[in-house]
Protein backbone atom coordinates (compact mmCIF):
# COMPACT_ATOMS: atom_id res chain seq x y z
CA UNK A 1 144.85 -18.15 -115.16
CA UNK A 2 146.79 -15.79 -117.17
CA UNK A 3 145.65 -13.40 -119.88
CA UNK A 4 148.19 -13.03 -122.57
CA UNK A 5 148.48 -9.47 -124.24
CA UNK A 6 151.10 -9.12 -126.80
CA UNK A 7 152.10 -7.28 -130.12
CA UNK A 8 152.46 -9.00 -133.29
CA UNK A 9 155.31 -6.69 -133.96
CA UNK A 10 158.13 -6.35 -131.51
CA UNK A 11 157.19 -2.96 -130.21
CA UNK A 12 159.38 -1.66 -127.30
CA UNK A 13 156.86 0.05 -124.78
CA UNK A 14 158.39 2.83 -122.83
CA UNK A 15 157.47 0.77 -119.62
CA UNK A 16 155.95 2.34 -116.67
CA UNK A 17 158.63 4.84 -116.29
CA UNK A 18 157.49 7.43 -113.92
CA UNK A 19 154.84 5.51 -112.46
CA UNK A 20 156.13 4.78 -109.11
CA UNK A 21 154.90 7.83 -107.63
CA UNK A 22 151.56 7.73 -109.81
CA UNK A 23 148.50 6.60 -108.28
CA UNK A 24 147.50 3.15 -109.88
CA UNK A 25 144.35 4.65 -111.78
CA UNK A 26 146.69 7.04 -113.63
CA UNK A 27 149.27 4.23 -114.22
CA UNK A 28 146.57 2.04 -115.61
CA UNK A 29 145.31 4.76 -118.22
CA UNK A 30 149.03 5.36 -119.16
CA UNK A 31 149.31 1.57 -119.89
CA UNK A 32 146.24 1.09 -121.82
CA UNK A 33 146.67 4.32 -124.14
CA UNK A 34 150.11 3.14 -125.09
CA UNK A 35 150.76 2.23 -128.65
CA UNK A 36 150.41 -1.41 -129.29
CA UNK A 37 148.05 -2.18 -126.44
CA UNK A 38 145.86 -5.29 -127.20
CA UNK A 39 142.34 -5.49 -126.21
CA UNK A 40 140.84 -8.94 -124.87
CA UNK A 41 139.08 -9.48 -128.16
CA UNK A 42 142.27 -9.62 -129.91
CA UNK A 43 143.71 -12.51 -128.04
CA UNK A 44 144.13 -15.97 -129.91
CA UNK A 45 141.50 -18.46 -128.81
CA UNK A 46 143.93 -21.00 -127.91
CA UNK A 47 145.73 -18.60 -125.88
CA UNK A 48 142.51 -17.50 -124.12
CA UNK A 49 141.61 -21.14 -123.40
CA UNK A 50 144.85 -21.54 -121.22
CA UNK A 51 145.13 -18.21 -119.83
CA UNK A 52 141.83 -16.66 -119.08
CA UNK A 53 140.09 -17.22 -115.85
CA UNK A 54 136.69 -17.64 -117.65
CA UNK A 55 137.85 -20.60 -119.54
CA UNK A 56 136.72 -23.94 -118.40
CA UNK A 57 140.53 -25.18 -118.84
CA UNK A 58 142.42 -22.23 -117.61
CA UNK A 59 145.84 -22.99 -115.77
CA UNK A 60 146.40 -21.82 -112.17
CA UNK A 61 147.54 -18.43 -111.75
CA UNK A 62 144.80 -17.24 -114.13
CA UNK A 63 144.12 -13.62 -113.86
CA UNK A 64 141.60 -11.27 -115.58
CA UNK A 65 142.82 -8.61 -118.11
CA UNK A 66 142.75 -5.85 -115.45
CA UNK A 67 144.84 -7.49 -113.08
CA UNK A 68 147.25 -8.77 -115.82
CA UNK A 69 147.67 -5.13 -116.78
CA UNK A 70 148.40 -4.18 -113.20
CA UNK A 71 151.16 -6.81 -112.82
CA UNK A 72 152.68 -5.21 -115.89
CA UNK A 73 152.85 -2.01 -114.18
CA UNK A 74 154.01 -3.54 -110.89
CA UNK A 75 156.77 -5.33 -112.39
CA UNK A 76 157.72 -2.37 -114.80
CA UNK A 77 157.32 -4.44 -117.83
CA UNK A 78 156.32 -3.40 -121.32
CA UNK A 79 154.48 -5.14 -124.21
CA UNK A 80 157.07 -7.58 -125.85
CA UNK A 81 156.81 -11.32 -125.75
CA UNK A 82 159.77 -11.24 -123.46
CA UNK A 83 157.89 -8.85 -121.11
CA UNK A 84 154.84 -11.11 -121.06
CA UNK A 85 157.01 -14.03 -120.20
CA UNK A 86 157.99 -12.26 -117.17
CA UNK A 87 154.61 -11.19 -116.06
CA UNK A 88 152.87 -14.57 -116.83
CA UNK A 89 155.84 -16.54 -115.08
CA UNK A 90 155.60 -14.08 -112.05
CA UNK A 91 151.55 -14.67 -111.85
CA UNK A 92 151.97 -18.39 -112.11
CA UNK A 93 154.84 -18.66 -109.68
CA UNK A 94 152.91 -16.41 -107.19
CA UNK A 95 149.89 -18.49 -106.99
CA UNK A 96 149.76 -21.05 -104.27
CA UNK A 97 148.13 -23.66 -106.76
CA UNK A 98 150.65 -24.01 -109.38
CA UNK A 99 152.37 -27.15 -109.43
CA UNK A 100 155.57 -28.12 -111.42
CA UNK A 101 153.22 -30.09 -113.64
CA UNK A 102 151.16 -27.18 -114.47
CA UNK A 103 154.15 -25.06 -115.02
CA UNK A 104 155.78 -27.78 -117.33
CA UNK A 105 152.39 -27.70 -119.30
CA UNK A 106 152.46 -24.10 -119.57
CA UNK A 107 156.10 -24.01 -120.81
CA UNK A 108 155.24 -26.75 -123.53
CA UNK A 109 152.45 -25.08 -124.80
CA UNK A 110 154.11 -21.53 -125.07
CA UNK A 111 156.81 -23.20 -126.71
CA UNK A 112 155.30 -25.64 -129.13
CA UNK A 113 151.60 -25.11 -129.36
CA UNK A 114 150.84 -21.30 -129.25
CA UNK A 115 150.45 -19.81 -132.32
CA UNK A 116 153.04 -17.36 -134.24
CA UNK A 117 153.17 -14.07 -132.31
CA UNK A 118 152.48 -15.83 -128.98
CA UNK A 119 154.93 -18.71 -129.03
CA UNK A 120 158.10 -18.49 -126.56
CA UNK A 121 161.48 -19.23 -127.62
CA UNK A 122 164.30 -20.18 -125.24
CA UNK A 123 165.14 -16.67 -124.07
CA UNK A 124 161.58 -16.04 -123.46
CA UNK A 125 161.26 -19.55 -121.41
CA UNK A 126 164.27 -18.33 -119.39
CA UNK A 127 162.30 -14.93 -118.64
CA UNK A 128 159.21 -17.05 -117.89
CA UNK A 129 161.58 -18.89 -115.41
CA UNK A 130 162.81 -15.81 -113.90
CA UNK A 131 159.41 -14.44 -113.46
CA UNK A 132 158.08 -17.59 -112.02
CA UNK A 133 160.86 -17.92 -109.40
CA UNK A 134 160.43 -14.30 -108.31
CA UNK A 135 156.87 -14.67 -107.85
CA UNK A 136 157.28 -17.80 -106.00
CA UNK A 137 159.41 -15.97 -103.64
CA UNK A 138 157.41 -13.13 -102.79
CA UNK A 139 156.12 -13.18 -99.14
CA UNK A 140 152.60 -12.00 -100.27
CA UNK A 141 150.97 -14.54 -102.83
CA UNK A 142 148.25 -14.86 -105.06
CA UNK A 143 148.45 -11.64 -107.01
CA UNK A 144 145.97 -12.94 -109.40
CA UNK A 145 143.07 -13.05 -106.90
CA UNK A 146 143.93 -9.81 -105.41
CA UNK A 147 141.73 -6.51 -105.29
CA UNK A 148 143.88 -3.27 -105.77
CA UNK A 149 143.00 0.19 -104.58
CA UNK A 150 143.30 2.35 -107.60
CA UNK A 151 144.03 5.60 -105.60
CA UNK A 152 147.03 4.12 -104.00
CA UNK A 153 150.42 4.82 -105.05
CA UNK A 154 152.13 2.13 -107.36
CA UNK A 155 155.12 2.27 -105.10
CA UNK A 156 153.20 1.38 -102.13
CA UNK A 157 151.52 -1.49 -103.88
CA UNK A 158 154.69 -2.84 -104.76
CA UNK A 159 155.96 -2.68 -101.28
CA UNK A 160 152.97 -4.58 -100.04
CA UNK A 161 153.83 -7.40 -102.50
CA UNK A 162 157.52 -7.14 -101.85
CA UNK A 163 158.23 -6.34 -105.50
CA UNK A 164 161.54 -4.55 -106.18
CA UNK A 165 161.64 -3.57 -109.98
CA UNK A 166 165.52 -3.95 -110.09
CA UNK A 167 164.70 -7.74 -109.95
CA UNK A 168 162.25 -7.73 -112.85
CA UNK A 169 164.52 -5.86 -115.38
CA UNK A 170 165.17 -7.52 -118.75
CA UNK A 171 168.54 -9.51 -118.71
CA UNK A 172 170.61 -9.01 -121.94
CA UNK A 173 170.92 -12.67 -123.27
């Protein structure tokens, strides 16, 4: 399941620039103390139902808030809805349990049912699909179930998961 952390306004976070040689604990601190970071309690109930692993109807690839933040850091993505689309796509695609039916259901909900501020437009659906394809093709799978060593360098964790951030950068649409 995926935890959706986005901003109501389109704030362009300075990503995780400079975190590659940082230990994970410090990168997480930087991320969680960035302007616009939204805590779990600020997430809309419908989004929580589909994306939180504690929900009885969460979708495959569900990830807790801590690991969701880590995926943002590992993919070097910020806090816009476009960034969320990449992170959620990556996490769902990386799950060995996600079927094409579940993928379609998420896309439908994100585009037509999610509330304002969480809803995906066409460009964000494209970014979701980029993330999904990239997560699906990584040799190491199920990042949503991973336990991370917080004193390991971010670059080493990216290597373990086969993540090359050049492949996760925003594409101008």
